[in-house]
Amino acid sequence: MLDQQVDDKGTDQAQAVEIIRNLCDRSFDGDAGKVAIALGRSTEHVQAVLSGAEPADDDLVMKARGIAINRGVEVE
């Protein structure tokens, strides 16, 4: 599943997790609960994506990229 494309940019699951993790660490003090609220997802879902238990989807990655741009955080 890690090699599945998540979006039209060719982002795979590992890259998607890295984008979300970087956003969490660099803009939300590493708090999955805070980034979950910003992404409109439950804390449990974001934690599951970060741990690899659940796949990231294109909407989640798109929102993470958008928030990163707005906050001046480089995620890739």
PDB file of N, CA and C in Angstrom:
ATOM      1  N   MET A   1       0.811  -1.190   0.000  1.00  0.00           N
ATOM      2  CA  MET A   1       0.000   0.000   0.000  1.00  0.00           C
ATOM      3  C   MET A   1       0.859   1.260   0.000  1.00  0.00           C
ATOM      4  N   LEU A   2       2.098   1.179   0.498  1.00  0.00           N
ATOM      5  CA  LEU A   2       2.957   2.348   0.562  1.00  0.00           C
ATOM      6  C   LEU A   2       3.329   2.911  -0.791  1.00  0.00           C
ATOM      7  N   ASP A   3       3.210   2.103  -1.842  1.00  0.00           N
ATOM      8  CA  ASP A   3       3.580   2.606  -3.158  1.00  0.00           C
ATOM      9  C   ASP A   3       2.369   3.137  -3.932  1.00  0.00           C
ATOM     10  N   GLN A   4       1.195   3.126  -3.338  1.00  0.00           N
ATOM     11  CA  GLN A   4       0.006   3.647  -3.998  1.00  0.00           C
ATOM     12  C   GLN A   4       0.079   5.163  -4.096  1.00  0.00           C
ATOM     13  N   GLN A   5      -0.293   5.671  -5.263  1.00  0.00           N
ATOM     14  CA  GLN A   5      -0.354   7.120  -5.432  1.00  0.00           C
ATOM     15  C   GLN A   5      -1.537   7.671  -4.656  1.00  0.00           C
ATOM     16  N   VAL A   6      -1.315   8.786  -3.995  1.00  0.00           N
ATOM     17  CA  VAL A   6      -2.363   9.419  -3.204  1.00  0.00           C
ATOM     18  C   VAL A   6      -3.053  10.518  -4.005  1.00  0.00           C
ATOM     19  N   ASP A   7      -2.288  11.226  -4.835  1.00  0.00           N
ATOM     20  CA  ASP A   7      -2.847  12.362  -5.555  1.00  0.00           C
ATOM     21  C   ASP A   7      -2.294  12.451  -6.967  1.00  0.00           C
ATOM     22  N   ASP A   8      -2.740  13.472  -7.692  1.00  0.00           N
ATOM     23  CA  ASP A   8      -2.314  13.633  -9.081  1.00  0.00           C
ATOM     24  C   ASP A   8      -0.880  14.141  -9.211  1.00  0.00           C
ATOM     25  N   LYS A   9      -0.233  14.482  -8.090  1.00  0.00           N
ATOM     26  CA  LYS A   9       1.167  14.890  -8.111  1.00  0.00           C
ATOM     27  C   LYS A   9       2.099  13.688  -7.996  1.00  0.00           C
ATOM     28  N   GLY A  10       1.527  12.502  -7.849  1.00  0.00           N
ATOM     29  CA  GLY A  10       2.337  11.298  -7.742  1.00  0.00           C
ATOM     30  C   GLY A  10       2.809  11.000  -6.328  1.00  0.00           C
ATOM     31  N   THR A  11       2.233  11.664  -5.352  1.00  0.00           N
ATOM     32  CA  THR A  11       2.607  11.449  -3.954  1.00  0.00           C
ATOM     33  C   THR A  11       2.216  10.039  -3.534  1.00  0.00           C
ATOM     34  N   ASP A  12       3.169   9.292  -2.967  1.00  0.00           N
ATOM     35  CA  ASP A  12       2.829   7.957  -2.460  1.00  0.00           C
ATOM     36  C   ASP A  12       2.526   8.047  -0.965  1.00  0.00           C
ATOM     37  N   GLN A  13       2.157   6.938  -0.363  1.00  0.00           N
ATOM     38  CA  GLN A  13       1.769   6.930   1.045  1.00  0.00           C
ATOM     39  C   GLN A  13       2.907   7.402   1.955  1.00  0.00           C
ATOM     40  N   ALA A  14       4.109   6.959   1.692  1.00  0.00           N
ATOM     41  CA  ALA A  14       5.241   7.359   2.538  1.00  0.00           C
ATOM     42  C   ALA A  14       5.457   8.869   2.461  1.00  0.00           C
ATOM     43  N   GLN A  15       5.355   9.436   1.279  1.00  0.00           N
ATOM     44  CA  GLN A  15       5.507  10.879   1.124  1.00  0.00           C
ATOM     45  C   GLN A  15       4.352  11.627   1.793  1.00  0.00           C
ATOM     46  N   ALA A  16       3.149  11.079   1.693  1.00  0.00           N
ATOM     47  CA  ALA A  16       1.983  11.705   2.315  1.00  0.00           C
ATOM     48  C   ALA A  16       2.156  11.765   3.830  1.00  0.00           C
ATOM     49  N   VAL A  17       2.617  10.680   4.410  1.00  0.00           N
ATOM     50  CA  VAL A  17       2.858  10.646   5.851  1.00  0.00           C
ATOM     51  C   VAL A  17       3.926  11.667   6.227  1.00  0.00           C
ATOM     52  N   GLU A  18       4.956  11.771   5.422  1.00  0.00           N
ATOM     53  CA  GLU A  18       6.032  12.726   5.702  1.00  0.00           C
ATOM     54  C   GLU A  18       5.515  14.167   5.639  1.00  0.00           C
ATOM     55  N   ILE A  19       4.653  14.468   4.693  1.00  0.00           N
ATOM     56  CA  ILE A  19       4.066  15.804   4.584  1.00  0.00           C
ATOM     57  C   ILE A  19       3.266  16.131   5.849  1.00  0.00           C
ATOM     58  N   ILE A  20       2.438  15.194   6.270  1.00  0.00           N
ATOM     59  CA  ILE A  20       1.604  15.414   7.450  1.00  0.00           C
ATOM     60  C   ILE A  20       2.467  15.494   8.706  1.00  0.00           C
ATOM     61  N   ARG A  21       3.462  14.629   8.809  1.00  0.00           N
ATOM     62  CA  ARG A  21       4.357  14.638   9.976  1.00  0.00           C
ATOM     63  C   ARG A  21       5.135  15.963  10.045  1.00  0.00           C
ATOM     64  N   ASN A  22       5.656  16.431   8.909  1.00  0.00           N
ATOM     65  CA  ASN A  22       6.392  17.701   8.892  1.00  0.00           C
ATOM     66  C   ASN A  22       5.493  18.865   9.299  1.00  0.00           C
ATOM     67  N   LEU A  23       4.272  18.876   8.792  1.00  0.00           N
ATOM     68  CA  LEU A  23       3.332  19.923   9.173  1.00  0.00           C
ATOM     69  C   LEU A  23       3.067  19.870  10.670  1.00  0.00           C
ATOM     70  N   CYS A  24       2.838  18.697  11.181  1.00  0.00           N
ATOM     71  CA  CYS A  24       2.571  18.514  12.602  1.00  0.00           C
ATOM     72  C   CYS A  24       3.752  18.994  13.442  1.00  0.00           C
ATOM     73  N   ASP A  25       4.941  18.563  13.080  1.00  0.00           N
ATOM     74  CA  ASP A  25       6.133  18.900  13.861  1.00  0.00           C
ATOM     75  C   ASP A  25       6.518  20.371  13.757  1.00  0.00           C
ATOM     76  N   ARG A  26       6.414  20.929  12.566  1.00  0.00           N
ATOM     77  CA  ARG A  26       6.917  22.281  12.328  1.00  0.00           C
ATOM     78  C   ARG A  26       5.911  23.387  12.618  1.00  0.00           C
ATOM     79  N   SER A  27       4.634  23.032  12.653  1.00  0.00           N
ATOM     80  CA  SER A  27       3.639  24.081  12.822  1.00  0.00           C
ATOM     81  C   SER A  27       2.675  23.835  13.978  1.00  0.00           C
ATOM     82  N   PHE A  28       2.664  22.624  14.512  1.00  0.00           N
ATOM     83  CA  PHE A  28       1.719  22.300  15.576  1.00  0.00           C
ATOM     84  C   PHE A  28       2.416  21.658  16.776  1.00  0.00           C
ATOM     85  N   ASP A  29       3.687  21.957  16.958  1.00  0.00           N
ATOM     86  CA  ASP A  29       4.463  21.467  18.102  1.00  0.00           C
ATOM     87  C   ASP A  29       4.406  19.949  18.259  1.00  0.00           C
ATOM     88  N   GLY A  30       4.268  19.239  17.152  1.00  0.00           N
ATOM     89  CA  GLY A  30       4.240  17.778  17.200  1.00  0.00           C
ATOM     90  C   GLY A  30       2.953  17.211  17.764  1.00  0.00           C
ATOM     91  N   ASP A  31       1.936  18.035  17.900  1.00  0.00           N
ATOM     92  CA  ASP A  31       0.673  17.615  18.509  1.00  0.00           C
ATOM     93  C   ASP A  31      -0.305  17.141  17.436  1.00  0.00           C
ATOM     94  N   ALA A  32      -0.508  15.829  17.380  1.00  0.00           N
ATOM     95  CA  ALA A  32      -1.409  15.247  16.378  1.00  0.00           C
ATOM     96  C   ALA A  32      -2.837  15.740  16.569  1.00  0.00           C
ATOM     97  N   GLY A  33      -3.222  16.035  17.793  1.00  0.00           N
ATOM     98  CA  GLY A  33      -4.569  16.545  18.045  1.00  0.00           C
ATOM     99  C   GLY A  33      -4.799  17.902  17.417  1.00  0.00           C
ATOM    100  N   LYS A  34      -3.796  18.773  17.513  1.00  0.00           N
ATOM    101  CA  LYS A  34      -3.907  20.108  16.926  1.00  0.00           C
ATOM    102  C   LYS A  34      -3.948  20.039  15.406  1.00  0.00           C
ATOM    103  N   VAL A  35      -3.083  19.229  14.816  1.00  0.00           N
ATOM    104  CA  VAL A  35      -3.082  19.127  13.356  1.00  0.00           C
ATOM    105  C   VAL A  35      -4.361  18.444  12.877  1.00  0.00           C
ATOM    106  N   ALA A  36      -4.893  17.534  13.658  1.00  0.00           N
ATOM    107  CA  ALA A  36      -6.146  16.867  13.291  1.00  0.00           C
ATOM    108  C   ALA A  36      -7.285  17.882  13.197  1.00  0.00           C
ATOM    109  N   ILE A  37      -7.352  18.786  14.162  1.00  0.00           N
ATOM    110  CA  ILE A  37      -8.386  19.818  14.135  1.00  0.00           C
ATOM    111  C   ILE A  37      -8.234  20.678  12.883  1.00  0.00           C
ATOM    112  N   ALA A  38      -7.010  21.082  12.587  1.00  0.00           N
ATOM    113  CA  ALA A  38      -6.757  21.913  11.406  1.00  0.00           C
ATOM    114  C   ALA A  38      -7.124  21.186  10.114  1.00  0.00           C
ATOM    115  N   LEU A  39      -6.928  19.872  10.096  1.00  0.00           N
ATOM    116  CA  LEU A  39      -7.213  19.076   8.903  1.00  0.00           C
ATOM    117  C   LEU A  39      -8.669  18.608   8.837  1.00  0.00           C
ATOM    118  N   GLY A  40      -9.427  18.864   9.897  1.00  0.00           N
ATOM    119  CA  GLY A  40     -10.823  18.455   9.909  1.00  0.00           C
ATOM    120  C   GLY A  40     -11.000  16.960  10.080  1.00  0.00           C
ATOM    121  N   ARG A  41     -10.072  16.331  10.764  1.00  0.00           N
ATOM    122  CA  ARG A  41     -10.114  14.888  11.006  1.00  0.00           C
ATOM    123  C   ARG A  41     -10.019  14.625  12.497  1.00  0.00           C
ATOM    124  N   SER A  42     -10.330  13.408  12.884  1.00  0.00           N
ATOM    125  CA  SER A  42     -10.190  13.051  14.295  1.00  0.00           C
ATOM    126  C   SER A  42      -8.713  12.827  14.623  1.00  0.00           C
ATOM    127  N   THR A  43      -8.380  13.018  15.885  1.00  0.00           N
ATOM    128  CA  THR A  43      -7.012  12.762  16.335  1.00  0.00           C
ATOM    129  C   THR A  43      -6.642  11.315  16.063  1.00  0.00           C
ATOM    130  N   GLU A  44      -7.568  10.409  16.305  1.00  0.00           N
ATOM    131  CA  GLU A  44      -7.308   8.987  16.098  1.00  0.00           C
ATOM    132  C   GLU A  44      -6.976   8.692  14.638  1.00  0.00           C
ATOM    133  N   HIS A  45      -7.694   9.350  13.726  1.00  0.00           N
ATOM    134  CA  HIS A  45      -7.437   9.122  12.302  1.00  0.00           C
ATOM    135  C   HIS A  45      -6.049   9.625  11.911  1.00  0.00           C
ATOM    136  N   VAL A  46      -5.705  10.820  12.357  1.00  0.00           N
ATOM    137  CA  VAL A  46      -4.393  11.379  12.024  1.00  0.00           C
ATOM    138  C   VAL A  46      -3.291  10.513  12.626  1.00  0.00           C
ATOM    139  N   GLN A  47      -3.454  10.075  13.853  1.00  0.00           N
ATOM    140  CA  GLN A  47      -2.460   9.200  14.474  1.00  0.00           C
ATOM    141  C   GLN A  47      -2.330   7.890  13.703  1.00  0.00           C
ATOM    142  N   ALA A  48      -3.455   7.350  13.229  1.00  0.00           N
ATOM    143  CA  ALA A  48      -3.428   6.105  12.453  1.00  0.00           C
ATOM    144  C   ALA A  48      -2.708   6.306  11.122  1.00  0.00           C
ATOM    145  N   VAL A  49      -2.918   7.444  10.486  1.00  0.00           N
ATOM    146  CA  VAL A  49      -2.220   7.739   9.231  1.00  0.00           C
ATOM    147  C   VAL A  49      -0.726   7.882   9.494  1.00  0.00           C
ATOM    148  N   LEU A  50      -0.381   8.611  10.536  1.00  0.00           N
ATOM    149  CA  LEU A  50       1.033   8.817  10.856  1.00  0.00           C
ATOM    150  C   LEU A  50       1.740   7.509  11.213  1.00  0.00           C
ATOM    151  N   SER A  51       1.019   6.572  11.807  1.00  0.00           N
ATOM    152  CA  SER A  51       1.627   5.290  12.180  1.00  0.00           C
ATOM    153  C   SER A  51       1.610   4.284  11.034  1.00  0.00           C
ATOM    154  N   GLY A  52       0.884   4.606   9.967  1.00  0.00           N
ATOM    155  CA  GLY A  52       0.789   3.690   8.837  1.00  0.00           C
ATOM    156  C   GLY A  52      -0.335   2.683   8.957  1.00  0.00           C
ATOM    157  N   ALA A  53      -1.141   2.795  10.002  1.00  0.00           N
ATOM    158  CA  ALA A  53      -2.255   1.870  10.201  1.00  0.00           C
ATOM    159  C   ALA A  53      -3.398   2.137   9.223  1.00  0.00           C
ATOM    160  N   GLU A  54      -3.530   3.388   8.785  1.00  0.00           N
ATOM    161  CA  GLU A  54      -4.544   3.771   7.804  1.00  0.00           C
ATOM    162  C   GLU A  54      -3.873   4.575   6.705  1.00  0.00           C
ATOM    163  N   PRO A  55      -4.373   4.466   5.486  1.00  0.00           N
ATOM    164  CA  PRO A  55      -3.775   5.230   4.392  1.00  0.00           C
ATOM    165  C   PRO A  55      -4.228   6.687   4.406  1.00  0.00           C
ATOM    166  N   ALA A  56      -3.361   7.546   3.917  1.00  0.00           N
ATOM    167  CA  ALA A  56      -3.723   8.947   3.705  1.00  0.00           C
ATOM    168  C   ALA A  56      -4.513   9.024   2.407  1.00  0.00           C
ATOM    169  N   ASP A  57      -5.432   9.967   2.335  1.00  0.00           N
ATOM    170  CA  ASP A  57      -6.170  10.164   1.086  1.00  0.00           C
ATOM    171  C   ASP A  57      -5.810  11.519   0.492  1.00  0.00           C
ATOM    172  N   ASP A  58      -6.255  11.740  -0.730  1.00  0.00           N
ATOM    173  CA  ASP A  58      -5.879  12.963  -1.430  1.00  0.00           C
ATOM    174  C   ASP A  58      -6.382  14.220  -0.724  1.00  0.00           C
ATOM    175  N   ASP A  59      -7.554  14.167  -0.122  1.00  0.00           N
ATOM    176  CA  ASP A  59      -8.093  15.330   0.577  1.00  0.00           C
ATOM    177  C   ASP A  59      -7.219  15.703   1.764  1.00  0.00           C
ATOM    178  N   LEU A  60      -6.770  14.723   2.510  1.00  0.00           N
ATOM    179  CA  LEU A  60      -5.918  14.965   3.668  1.00  0.00           C
ATOM    180  C   LEU A  60      -4.592  15.604   3.249  1.00  0.00           C
ATOM    181  N   VAL A  61      -3.986  15.079   2.201  1.00  0.00           N
ATOM    182  CA  VAL A  61      -2.713  15.608   1.719  1.00  0.00           C
ATOM    183  C   VAL A  61      -2.887  17.019   1.153  1.00  0.00           C
ATOM    184  N   MET A  62      -3.967  17.237   0.421  1.00  0.00           N
ATOM    185  CA  MET A  62      -4.238  18.559  -0.144  1.00  0.00           C
ATOM    186  C   MET A  62      -4.407  19.591   0.973  1.00  0.00           C
ATOM    187  N   LYS A  63      -5.165  19.240   2.015  1.00  0.00           N
ATOM    188  CA  LYS A  63      -5.355  20.160   3.137  1.00  0.00           C
ATOM    189  C   LYS A  63      -4.039  20.421   3.856  1.00  0.00           C
ATOM    190  N   ALA A  64      -3.248  19.379   4.070  1.00  0.00           N
ATOM    191  CA  ALA A  64      -1.960  19.541   4.749  1.00  0.00           C
ATOM    192  C   ALA A  64      -1.052  20.480   3.962  1.00  0.00           C
ATOM    193  N   ARG A  65      -0.999  20.305   2.653  1.00  0.00           N
ATOM    194  CA  ARG A  65      -0.185  21.195   1.821  1.00  0.00           C
ATOM    195  C   ARG A  65      -0.682  22.638   1.904  1.00  0.00           C
ATOM    196  N   GLY A  66      -1.999  22.817   1.839  1.00  0.00           N
ATOM    197  CA  GLY A  66      -2.572  24.158   1.896  1.00  0.00           C
ATOM    198  C   GLY A  66      -2.287  24.857   3.214  1.00  0.00           C
ATOM    199  N   ILE A  67      -2.442  24.137   4.310  1.00  0.00           N
ATOM    200  CA  ILE A  67      -2.153  24.716   5.622  1.00  0.00           C
ATOM    201  C   ILE A  67      -0.674  25.062   5.731  1.00  0.00           C
ATOM    202  N   ALA A  68       0.162  24.183   5.222  1.00  0.00           N
ATOM    203  CA  ALA A  68       1.606  24.440   5.263  1.00  0.00           C
ATOM    204  C   ALA A  68       1.954  25.718   4.498  1.00  0.00           C
ATOM    205  N   ILE A  69       1.366  25.889   3.333  1.00  0.00           N
ATOM    206  CA  ILE A  69       1.618  27.093   2.538  1.00  0.00           C
ATOM    207  C   ILE A  69       1.172  28.335   3.317  1.00  0.00           C
ATOM    208  N   ASN A  70      -0.006  28.283   3.907  1.00  0.00           N
ATOM    209  CA  ASN A  70      -0.524  29.420   4.671  1.00  0.00           C
ATOM    210  C   ASN A  70       0.319  29.756   5.884  1.00  0.00           C
ATOM    211  N   ARG A  71       0.966  28.757   6.452  1.00  0.00           N
ATOM    212  CA  ARG A  71       1.789  28.962   7.652  1.00  0.00           C
ATOM    213  C   ARG A  71       3.264  29.134   7.326  1.00  0.00           C
ATOM    214  N   GLY A  72       3.607  29.073   6.050  1.00  0.00           N
ATOM    215  CA  GLY A  72       5.000  29.241   5.647  1.00  0.00           C
ATOM    216  C   GLY A  72       5.881  28.064   6.021  1.00  0.00           C
ATOM    217  N   VAL A  73       5.300  26.880   6.048  1.00  0.00           N
ATOM    218  CA  VAL A  73       6.022  25.674   6.425  1.00  0.00           C
ATOM    219  C   VAL A  73       6.324  24.850   5.175  1.00  0.00           C
ATOM    220  N   GLU A  74       7.596  24.518   4.970  1.00  0.00           N
ATOM    221  CA  GLU A  74       7.962  23.660   3.857  1.00  0.00           C
ATOM    222  C   GLU A  74       7.777  22.212   4.297  1.00  0.00           C
ATOM    223  N   VAL A  75       6.964  21.480   3.569  1.00  0.00           N
ATOM    224  CA  VAL A  75       6.655  20.110   3.979  1.00  0.00           C
ATOM    225  C   VAL A  75       7.233  19.046   3.061  1.00  0.00           C
ATOM    226  N   GLU A  76       7.789  19.429   1.928  1.00  0.00           N
ATOM    227  CA  GLU A  76       8.314  18.412   1.016  1.00  0.00           C
ATOM    228  C   GLU A  76       9.795  18.536   0.856  1.00  0.00           C
TER     229      GLU A  76
END
